[in-house]
């Protein structure tokens, strides 16, 4: 029969492995926690090292840019020095609004008056041009009629009324041409017409305005003239004459008569 003490002694060695097993598991758990803590410490150390490297880089950048602290650092330093002092609001200019206002003033006081002046000048020029065209057309029509009538009067006469006929033609002339025509008719045409019974009849089949304005005009006149000398057969001639007219007062007078 096994004694009780022997049974007790026999049971105690059987429980030792369980105690060792529990201790081993506890030790294994502690080692795992320690390893996790070590890994966490390494990550934190790496993060701290990275932040330290960034701080060094930022510091080098500030040093290269002139060593002046940024506005944010200055504001933070000011806040740290005097926490009771309120932070000053920073207002930034609005260049776009300023440019808009400047452009509005420039447009109102510079561009707009210039545009109005240019429009007024353009309107005045167009009005003057329209008036000039109208006057030119009117002068052209009037000068053509005067040139035709004057040419017929100057080149038509009869032996018995030569002095009267050519004297009336002189009233249609002006300037030096009037003087030369008067001398020619008095010295040559009128005496020859009376002595040789010369008669002349002129007609104007066509006439056209070359240029005309309010006081001066040039007309191209085509003349057919038939001359009778005594009992001889009549002779006919055709010619073109450049007639120059000047407006004296309210009348168009012939100041030039140049055969072409």
C-alpha atoms as a PDB file:
ATOM      1  CA  UNK A   1       0.000   0.000   0.000  1.00  0.00           C
ATOM      2  CA  UNK A   2       1.420   3.283  -1.019  1.00  0.00           C
ATOM      3  CA  UNK A   3       1.666   5.733   1.791  1.00  0.00           C
ATOM      4  CA  UNK A   4      -0.182   9.122   1.478  1.00  0.00           C
ATOM      5  CA  UNK A   5       3.005  11.067   1.634  1.00  0.00           C
ATOM      6  CA  UNK A   6       4.419   9.062  -1.182  1.00  0.00           C
ATOM      7  CA  UNK A   7       1.267   9.744  -3.196  1.00  0.00           C
ATOM      8  CA  UNK A   8       1.632  13.425  -2.438  1.00  0.00           C
ATOM      9  CA  UNK A   9       5.228  13.384  -3.523  1.00  0.00           C
ATOM     10  CA  UNK A  10       4.355  11.527  -6.665  1.00  0.00           C
ATOM     11  CA  UNK A  11       1.647  14.124  -7.638  1.00  0.00           C
ATOM     12  CA  UNK A  12       3.859  17.166  -7.165  1.00  0.00           C
ATOM     13  CA  UNK A  13       6.369  16.238  -9.905  1.00  0.00           C
ATOM     14  CA  UNK A  14       3.451  15.715 -12.295  1.00  0.00           C
ATOM     15  CA  UNK A  15       2.215  19.321 -11.763  1.00  0.00           C
ATOM     16  CA  UNK A  16       5.627  20.903 -12.488  1.00  0.00           C
ATOM     17  CA  UNK A  17       5.353  20.668 -16.278  1.00  0.00           C
ATOM     18  CA  UNK A  18       2.031  22.555 -16.158  1.00  0.00           C
ATOM     19  CA  UNK A  19       3.649  25.361 -14.193  1.00  0.00           C
ATOM     20  CA  UNK A  20       6.547  25.523 -16.589  1.00  0.00           C
ATOM     21  CA  UNK A  21       4.173  25.529 -19.534  1.00  0.00           C
ATOM     22  CA  UNK A  22       2.217  28.439 -18.141  1.00  0.00           C
ATOM     23  CA  UNK A  23       5.403  30.353 -17.470  1.00  0.00           C
ATOM     24  CA  UNK A  24       6.629  29.620 -20.974  1.00  0.00           C
ATOM     25  CA  UNK A  25       3.419  30.898 -22.519  1.00  0.00           C
ATOM     26  CA  UNK A  26       3.547  33.990 -20.306  1.00  0.00           C
ATOM     27  CA  UNK A  27       7.127  34.582 -21.336  1.00  0.00           C
ATOM     28  CA  UNK A  28       6.241  34.155 -24.991  1.00  0.00           C
ATOM     29  CA  UNK A  29       3.425  36.725 -24.673  1.00  0.00           C
ATOM     30  CA  UNK A  30       5.747  39.164 -22.964  1.00  0.00           C
ATOM     31  CA  UNK A  31       8.322  38.692 -25.704  1.00  0.00           C
ATOM     32  CA  UNK A  32       5.700  39.401 -28.384  1.00  0.00           C
ATOM     33  CA  UNK A  33       4.575  42.552 -26.587  1.00  0.00           C
ATOM     34  CA  UNK A  34       8.154  43.653 -26.257  1.00  0.00           C
ATOM     35  CA  UNK A  35       8.776  43.013 -29.943  1.00  0.00           C
ATOM     36  CA  UNK A  36       5.662  45.009 -30.868  1.00  0.00           C
ATOM     37  CA  UNK A  37       6.768  47.850 -28.619  1.00  0.00           C
ATOM     38  CA  UNK A  38      10.228  47.743 -30.201  1.00  0.00           C
ATOM     39  CA  UNK A  39       8.718  47.873 -33.681  1.00  0.00           C
ATOM     40  CA  UNK A  40       6.534  50.816 -32.654  1.00  0.00           C
ATOM     41  CA  UNK A  41       9.544  52.591 -31.201  1.00  0.00           C
ATOM     42  CA  UNK A  42      11.463  52.028 -34.434  1.00  0.00           C
ATOM     43  CA  UNK A  43       8.599  53.480 -36.513  1.00  0.00           C
ATOM     44  CA  UNK A  44       8.372  56.473 -34.196  1.00  0.00           C
ATOM     45  CA  UNK A  45      12.134  56.916 -34.366  1.00  0.00           C
ATOM     46  CA  UNK A  46      12.036  56.767 -38.170  1.00  0.00           C
ATOM     47  CA  UNK A  47       9.213  59.294 -38.250  1.00  0.00           C
ATOM     48  CA  UNK A  48      11.089  61.588 -35.860  1.00  0.00           C
ATOM     49  CA  UNK A  49      14.225  61.237 -37.961  1.00  0.00           C
ATOM     50  CA  UNK A  50      12.268  62.086 -41.124  1.00  0.00           C
ATOM     51  CA  UNK A  51      10.690  65.137 -39.502  1.00  0.00           C
ATOM     52  CA  UNK A  52      14.092  66.181 -38.254  1.00  0.00           C
ATOM     53  CA  UNK A  53      15.465  65.859 -41.783  1.00  0.00           C
ATOM     54  CA  UNK A  54      12.571  67.996 -43.133  1.00  0.00           C
ATOM     55  CA  UNK A  55      13.250  70.604 -40.465  1.00  0.00           C
ATOM     56  CA  UNK A  56      16.901  70.676 -41.465  1.00  0.00           C
ATOM     57  CA  UNK A  57      15.944  71.032 -45.129  1.00  0.00           C
ATOM     58  CA  UNK A  58      13.508  73.881 -44.367  1.00  0.00           C
ATOM     59  CA  UNK A  59      16.168  75.544 -42.268  1.00  0.00           C
ATOM     60  CA  UNK A  60      18.673  75.286 -45.136  1.00  0.00           C
ATOM     61  CA  UNK A  61      16.106  76.713 -47.529  1.00  0.00           C
ATOM     62  CA  UNK A  62      15.453  79.678 -45.248  1.00  0.00           C
ATOM     63  CA  UNK A  63      19.195  80.211 -44.923  1.00  0.00           C
ATOM     64  CA  UNK A  64      19.673  80.196 -48.707  1.00  0.00           C
ATOM     65  CA  UNK A  65      16.799  82.619 -49.246  1.00  0.00           C
ATOM     66  CA  UNK A  66      18.496  85.218 -47.071  1.00  0.00           C
ATOM     67  CA  UNK A  67      17.894  84.015 -43.562  1.00  0.00           C
ATOM     68  CA  UNK A  68      14.774  86.124 -43.160  1.00  0.00           C
ATOM     69  CA  UNK A  69      11.960  84.515 -41.194  1.00  0.00           C
ATOM     70  CA  UNK A  70       8.657  84.040 -42.979  1.00  0.00           C
ATOM     71  CA  UNK A  71       5.537  86.043 -42.203  1.00  0.00           C
ATOM     72  CA  UNK A  72       3.901  83.046 -40.575  1.00  0.00           C
ATOM     73  CA  UNK A  73       6.909  82.501 -38.249  1.00  0.00           C
ATOM     74  CA  UNK A  74       6.900  86.200 -37.391  1.00  0.00           C
ATOM     75  CA  UNK A  75       3.194  86.084 -36.640  1.00  0.00           C
ATOM     76  CA  UNK A  76       3.612  82.955 -34.521  1.00  0.00           C
ATOM     77  CA  UNK A  77       6.493  84.588 -32.641  1.00  0.00           C
ATOM     78  CA  UNK A  78       4.404  87.680 -32.070  1.00  0.00           C
ATOM     79  CA  UNK A  79       1.516  85.619 -30.816  1.00  0.00           C
ATOM     80  CA  UNK A  80       3.817  83.668 -28.539  1.00  0.00           C
ATOM     81  CA  UNK A  81       5.359  86.870 -27.178  1.00  0.00           C
ATOM     82  CA  UNK A  82       2.125  88.764 -26.599  1.00  0.00           C
ATOM     83  CA  UNK A  83      -0.849  86.415 -26.460  1.00  0.00           C
ATOM     84  CA  UNK A  84      -3.195  89.164 -25.319  1.00  0.00           C
ATOM     85  CA  UNK A  85      -2.538  91.299 -28.446  1.00  0.00           C
ATOM     86  CA  UNK A  86      -5.141  90.607 -31.193  1.00  0.00           C
ATOM     87  CA  UNK A  87      -3.865  89.487 -34.550  1.00  0.00           C
ATOM     88  CA  UNK A  88      -3.797  92.315 -37.061  1.00  0.00           C
ATOM     89  CA  UNK A  89      -5.913  91.768 -40.140  1.00  0.00           C
ATOM     90  CA  UNK A  90      -3.986  92.001 -43.380  1.00  0.00           C
ATOM     91  CA  UNK A  91      -5.792  93.644 -46.261  1.00  0.00           C
ATOM     92  CA  UNK A  92      -4.604  93.017 -49.765  1.00  0.00           C
ATOM     93  CA  UNK A  93      -5.098  95.528 -52.592  1.00  0.00           C
ATOM     94  CA  UNK A  94      -7.426  94.728 -55.404  1.00  0.00           C
ATOM     95  CA  UNK A  95      -5.494  95.602 -58.548  1.00  0.00           C
ATOM     96  CA  UNK A  96      -8.296  94.461 -60.840  1.00  0.00           C
ATOM     97  CA  UNK A  97     -10.762  96.897 -59.280  1.00  0.00           C
ATOM     98  CA  UNK A  98      -8.192  99.683 -59.460  1.00  0.00           C
ATOM     99  CA  UNK A  99      -7.483  98.931 -63.104  1.00  0.00           C
ATOM    100  CA  UNK A 100     -11.214  98.879 -63.814  1.00  0.00           C
ATOM    101  CA  UNK A 101     -11.703 102.268 -62.186  1.00  0.00           C
ATOM    102  CA  UNK A 102      -8.705 103.705 -64.036  1.00  0.00           C
ATOM    103  CA  UNK A 103     -10.009 102.363 -67.332  1.00  0.00           C
ATOM    104  CA  UNK A 104     -13.443 103.849 -66.635  1.00  0.00           C
ATOM    105  CA  UNK A 105     -11.919 107.267 -65.953  1.00  0.00           C
ATOM    106  CA  UNK A 106      -9.730 107.019 -69.036  1.00  0.00           C
ATOM    107  CA  UNK A 107     -12.718 106.057 -71.172  1.00  0.00           C
ATOM    108  CA  UNK A 108     -14.931 108.800 -69.734  1.00  0.00           C
ATOM    109  CA  UNK A 109     -12.416 111.666 -69.894  1.00  0.00           C
ATOM    110  CA  UNK A 110     -10.090 110.585 -72.695  1.00  0.00           C
ATOM    111  CA  UNK A 111     -11.484 108.075 -75.148  1.00  0.00           C
ATOM    112  CA  UNK A 112     -15.115 109.204 -75.224  1.00  0.00           C
ATOM    113  CA  UNK A 113     -14.393 112.888 -76.053  1.00  0.00           C
ATOM    114  CA  UNK A 114     -11.981 111.789 -78.787  1.00  0.00           C
ATOM    115  CA  UNK A 115     -14.610 109.488 -80.266  1.00  0.00           C
ATOM    116  CA  UNK A 116     -17.212 112.270 -80.186  1.00  0.00           C
ATOM    117  CA  UNK A 117     -14.752 114.684 -81.833  1.00  0.00           C
ATOM    118  CA  UNK A 118     -13.891 112.166 -84.547  1.00  0.00           C
ATOM    119  CA  UNK A 119     -17.576 111.525 -85.219  1.00  0.00           C
ATOM    120  CA  UNK A 120     -18.223 115.267 -85.455  1.00  0.00           C
ATOM    121  CA  UNK A 121     -15.297 115.709 -87.859  1.00  0.00           C
ATOM    122  CA  UNK A 122     -16.479 112.773 -89.950  1.00  0.00           C
ATOM    123  CA  UNK A 123     -20.009 114.168 -90.085  1.00  0.00           C
ATOM    124  CA  UNK A 124     -18.660 117.601 -91.031  1.00  0.00           C
ATOM    125  CA  UNK A 125     -16.466 116.122 -93.746  1.00  0.00           C
ATOM    126  CA  UNK A 126     -19.318 114.076 -95.189  1.00  0.00           C
ATOM    127  CA  UNK A 127     -21.575 117.123 -95.170  1.00  0.00           C
ATOM    128  CA  UNK A 128     -18.893 119.232 -96.847  1.00  0.00           C
ATOM    129  CA  UNK A 129     -18.291 116.527 -99.431  1.00  0.00           C
ATOM    130  CA  UNK A 130     -21.992 116.226-100.184  1.00  0.00           C
ATOM    131  CA  UNK A 131     -22.261 120.000-100.508  1.00  0.00           C
ATOM    132  CA  UNK A 132     -19.199 120.105-102.771  1.00  0.00           C
ATOM    133  CA  UNK A 133     -20.631 117.397-105.020  1.00  0.00           C
ATOM    134  CA  UNK A 134     -23.950 119.206-105.254  1.00  0.00           C
ATOM    135  CA  UNK A 135     -22.268 122.542-106.026  1.00  0.00           C
ATOM    136  CA  UNK A 136     -20.011 120.879-108.584  1.00  0.00           C
ATOM    137  CA  UNK A 137     -22.948 119.313-110.360  1.00  0.00           C
ATOM    138  CA  UNK A 138     -24.862 122.602-110.399  1.00  0.00           C
ATOM    139  CA  UNK A 139     -21.824 124.553-111.576  1.00  0.00           C
ATOM    140  CA  UNK A 140     -21.152 121.994-114.295  1.00  0.00           C
ATOM    141  CA  UNK A 141     -24.647 122.278-115.710  1.00  0.00           C
ATOM    142  CA  UNK A 142     -24.646 126.072-115.599  1.00  0.00           C
ATOM    143  CA  UNK A 143     -21.169 126.420-117.118  1.00  0.00           C
ATOM    144  CA  UNK A 144     -21.964 124.067-119.992  1.00  0.00           C
ATOM    145  CA  UNK A 145     -25.023 126.129-120.927  1.00  0.00           C
ATOM    146  CA  UNK A 146     -23.085 129.411-120.709  1.00  0.00           C
ATOM    147  CA  UNK A 147     -20.183 128.003-122.748  1.00  0.00           C
ATOM    148  CA  UNK A 148     -22.505 126.852-125.536  1.00  0.00           C
ATOM    149  CA  UNK A 149     -24.379 130.154-125.731  1.00  0.00           C
ATOM    150  CA  UNK A 150     -21.176 132.198-125.479  1.00  0.00           C
ATOM    151  CA  UNK A 151     -19.429 130.244-128.245  1.00  0.00           C
ATOM    152  CA  UNK A 152     -22.374 130.727-130.602  1.00  0.00           C
ATOM    153  CA  UNK A 153     -22.470 134.467-129.800  1.00  0.00           C
ATOM    154  CA  UNK A 154     -18.742 134.949-130.322  1.00  0.00           C
ATOM    155  CA  UNK A 155     -18.591 133.172-133.718  1.00  0.00           C
ATOM    156  CA  UNK A 156     -21.865 134.301-135.300  1.00  0.00           C
ATOM    157  CA  UNK A 157     -22.358 137.707-137.023  1.00  0.00           C
ATOM    158  CA  UNK A 158     -23.774 139.371-140.118  1.00  0.00           C
ATOM    159  CA  UNK A 159     -22.112 142.071-142.266  1.00  0.00           C
ATOM    160  CA  UNK A 160     -24.656 144.785-141.429  1.00  0.00           C
ATOM    161  CA  UNK A 161     -24.912 144.003-137.698  1.00  0.00           C
ATOM    162  CA  UNK A 162     -21.389 142.727-137.026  1.00  0.00           C
ATOM    163  CA  UNK A 163     -20.522 145.519-134.598  1.00  0.00           C
ATOM    164  CA  UNK A 164     -23.724 145.031-132.615  1.00  0.00           C
ATOM    165  CA  UNK A 165     -23.525 141.237-132.657  1.00  0.00           C
ATOM    166  CA  UNK A 166     -19.877 141.029-131.583  1.00  0.00           C
ATOM    167  CA  UNK A 167     -20.370 143.846-129.040  1.00  0.00           C
ATOM    168  CA  UNK A 168     -23.091 141.770-127.352  1.00  0.00           C
ATOM    169  CA  UNK A 169     -20.726 138.793-127.302  1.00  0.00           C
ATOM    170  CA  UNK A 170     -18.139 140.849-125.405  1.00  0.00           C
ATOM    171  CA  UNK A 171     -20.543 141.157-122.479  1.00  0.00           C
ATOM    172  CA  UNK A 172     -20.163 137.390-121.979  1.00  0.00           C
ATOM    173  CA  UNK A 173     -16.372 137.634-121.518  1.00  0.00           C
ATOM    174  CA  UNK A 174     -14.045 138.615-118.679  1.00  0.00           C
ATOM    175  CA  UNK A 175     -10.373 139.182-117.915  1.00  0.00           C
ATOM    176  CA  UNK A 176      -7.586 139.442-120.452  1.00  0.00           C
ATOM    177  CA  UNK A 177      -9.495 137.298-122.918  1.00  0.00           C
ATOM    178  CA  UNK A 178     -12.178 139.994-123.134  1.00  0.00           C
ATOM    179  CA  UNK A 179      -9.541 142.580-123.966  1.00  0.00           C
ATOM    180  CA  UNK A 180      -7.909 140.494-126.692  1.00  0.00           C
ATOM    181  CA  UNK A 181     -11.301 139.569-128.223  1.00  0.00           C
ATOM    182  CA  UNK A 182     -12.384 143.205-128.255  1.00  0.00           C
ATOM    183  CA  UNK A 183      -9.202 144.259-130.036  1.00  0.00           C
ATOM    184  CA  UNK A 184      -9.484 141.440-132.610  1.00  0.00           C
ATOM    185  CA  UNK A 185     -13.104 142.199-133.487  1.00  0.00           C
ATOM    186  CA  UNK A 186     -12.544 145.961-133.739  1.00  0.00           C
ATOM    187  CA  UNK A 187      -9.364 145.684-135.792  1.00  0.00           C
ATOM    188  CA  UNK A 188     -10.067 142.701-138.054  1.00  0.00           C
ATOM    189  CA  UNK A 189     -13.474 141.012-137.884  1.00  0.00           C
ATOM    190  CA  UNK A 190     -15.893 143.975-138.011  1.00  0.00           C
ATOM    191  CA  UNK A 191     -14.068 145.901-140.810  1.00  0.00           C
ATOM    192  CA  UNK A 192     -13.696 142.701-142.892  1.00  0.00           C
ATOM    193  CA  UNK A 193     -17.338 141.763-142.441  1.00  0.00           C
ATOM    194  CA  UNK A 194     -18.480 145.201-143.686  1.00  0.00           C
ATOM    195  CA  UNK A 195     -16.049 145.425-146.565  1.00  0.00           C
ATOM    196  CA  UNK A 196     -16.281 141.845-147.887  1.00  0.00           C
ATOM    197  CA  UNK A 197     -19.830 141.050-146.795  1.00  0.00           C
ATOM    198  CA  UNK A 198     -18.750 138.213-144.575  1.00  0.00           C
ATOM    199  CA  UNK A 199     -21.264 136.384-142.477  1.00  0.00           C
ATOM    200  CA  UNK A 200     -20.753 133.487-140.077  1.00  0.00           C
ATOM    201  CA  UNK A 201     -23.105 131.084-138.352  1.00  0.00           C
ATOM    202  CA  UNK A 202     -21.900 128.812-135.521  1.00  0.00           C
ATOM    203  CA  UNK A 203     -23.628 125.854-133.920  1.00  0.00           C
ATOM    204  CA  UNK A 204     -22.623 123.635-130.981  1.00  0.00           C
ATOM    205  CA  UNK A 205     -23.639 120.013-131.492  1.00  0.00           C
ATOM    206  CA  UNK A 206     -22.105 118.837-128.213  1.00  0.00           C
ATOM    207  CA  UNK A 207     -20.491 120.097-125.040  1.00  0.00           C
ATOM    208  CA  UNK A 208     -19.281 118.443-121.855  1.00  0.00           C
ATOM    209  CA  UNK A 209     -18.051 119.627-118.467  1.00  0.00           C
ATOM    210  CA  UNK A 210     -14.398 118.875-117.772  1.00  0.00           C
ATOM    211  CA  UNK A 211     -14.283 120.301-114.251  1.00  0.00           C
ATOM    212  CA  UNK A 212     -16.407 122.618-112.169  1.00  0.00           C
ATOM    213  CA  UNK A 213     -16.581 124.104-108.710  1.00  0.00           C
ATOM    214  CA  UNK A 214     -18.292 127.080-107.151  1.00  0.00           C
ATOM    215  CA  UNK A 215     -16.153 129.684-108.973  1.00  0.00           C
ATOM    216  CA  UNK A 216     -14.295 128.023-111.841  1.00  0.00           C
ATOM    217  CA  UNK A 217     -15.242 125.657-114.666  1.00  0.00           C
ATOM    218  CA  UNK A 218     -13.812 124.155-117.816  1.00  0.00           C
ATOM    219  CA  UNK A 219     -16.017 122.976-120.685  1.00  0.00           C
ATOM    220  CA  UNK A 220     -15.140 121.119-123.872  1.00  0.00           C
ATOM    221  CA  UNK A 221     -17.205 122.491-126.768  1.00  0.00           C
ATOM    222  CA  UNK A 222     -17.559 121.024-130.275  1.00  0.00           C
ATOM    223  CA  UNK A 223     -18.230 123.801-132.835  1.00  0.00           C
ATOM    224  CA  UNK A 224     -19.480 123.737-136.388  1.00  0.00           C
ATOM    225  CA  UNK A 225     -19.114 127.096-138.198  1.00  0.00           C
ATOM    226  CA  UNK A 226     -20.308 128.031-141.671  1.00  0.00           C
ATOM    227  CA  UNK A 227     -18.772 131.160-143.267  1.00  0.00           C
ATOM    228  CA  UNK A 228     -20.133 133.040-146.321  1.00  0.00           C
ATOM    229  CA  UNK A 229     -17.831 135.502-148.095  1.00  0.00           C
ATOM    230  CA  UNK A 230     -19.732 137.630-150.667  1.00  0.00           C
ATOM    231  CA  UNK A 231     -21.066 135.448-153.423  1.00  0.00           C
ATOM    232  CA  UNK A 232     -18.592 132.629-152.886  1.00  0.00           C
ATOM    233  CA  UNK A 233     -19.833 129.198-151.856  1.00  0.00           C
ATOM    234  CA  UNK A 234     -20.044 128.802-148.089  1.00  0.00           C
ATOM    235  CA  UNK A 235     -17.282 126.970-146.258  1.00  0.00           C
ATOM    236  CA  UNK A 236     -17.869 124.818-143.179  1.00  0.00           C
ATOM    237  CA  UNK A 237     -15.403 123.972-140.459  1.00  0.00           C
ATOM    238  CA  UNK A 238     -15.614 121.771-137.374  1.00  0.00           C
ATOM    239  CA  UNK A 239     -13.439 122.214-134.340  1.00  0.00           C
ATOM    240  CA  UNK A 240     -13.197 121.551-130.634  1.00  0.00           C
ATOM    241  CA  UNK A 241     -12.585 124.356-128.201  1.00  0.00           C
ATOM    242  CA  UNK A 242     -11.609 124.330-124.549  1.00  0.00           C
ATOM    243  CA  UNK A 243     -13.695 127.030-122.896  1.00  0.00           C
ATOM    244  CA  UNK A 244     -12.717 128.323-119.461  1.00  0.00           C
ATOM    245  CA  UNK A 245     -15.252 130.136-117.310  1.00  0.00           C
ATOM    246  CA  UNK A 246     -15.045 132.113-114.063  1.00  0.00           C
ATOM    247  CA  UNK A 247     -17.935 133.128-111.891  1.00  0.00           C
ATOM    248  CA  UNK A 248     -18.025 136.882-111.333  1.00  0.00           C
ATOM    249  CA  UNK A 249     -20.736 137.816-108.863  1.00  0.00           C
ATOM    250  CA  UNK A 250     -23.680 135.647-109.852  1.00  0.00           C
ATOM    251  CA  UNK A 251     -22.719 135.280-113.545  1.00  0.00           C
ATOM    252  CA  UNK A 252     -20.542 132.781-115.400  1.00  0.00           C
ATOM    253  CA  UNK A 253     -18.212 134.614-117.814  1.00  0.00           C
ATOM    254  CA  UNK A 254     -15.799 133.190-120.395  1.00  0.00           C
ATOM    255  CA  UNK A 255     -12.166 133.814-119.476  1.00  0.00           C
ATOM    256  CA  UNK A 256     -10.466 131.521-122.014  1.00  0.00           C
ATOM    257  CA  UNK A 257     -11.141 130.178-125.495  1.00  0.00           C
ATOM    258  CA  UNK A 258      -8.497 127.736-126.734  1.00  0.00           C
ATOM    259  CA  UNK A 259      -8.985 125.645-129.911  1.00  0.00           C
ATOM    260  CA  UNK A 260      -7.735 122.057-129.558  1.00  0.00           C
END
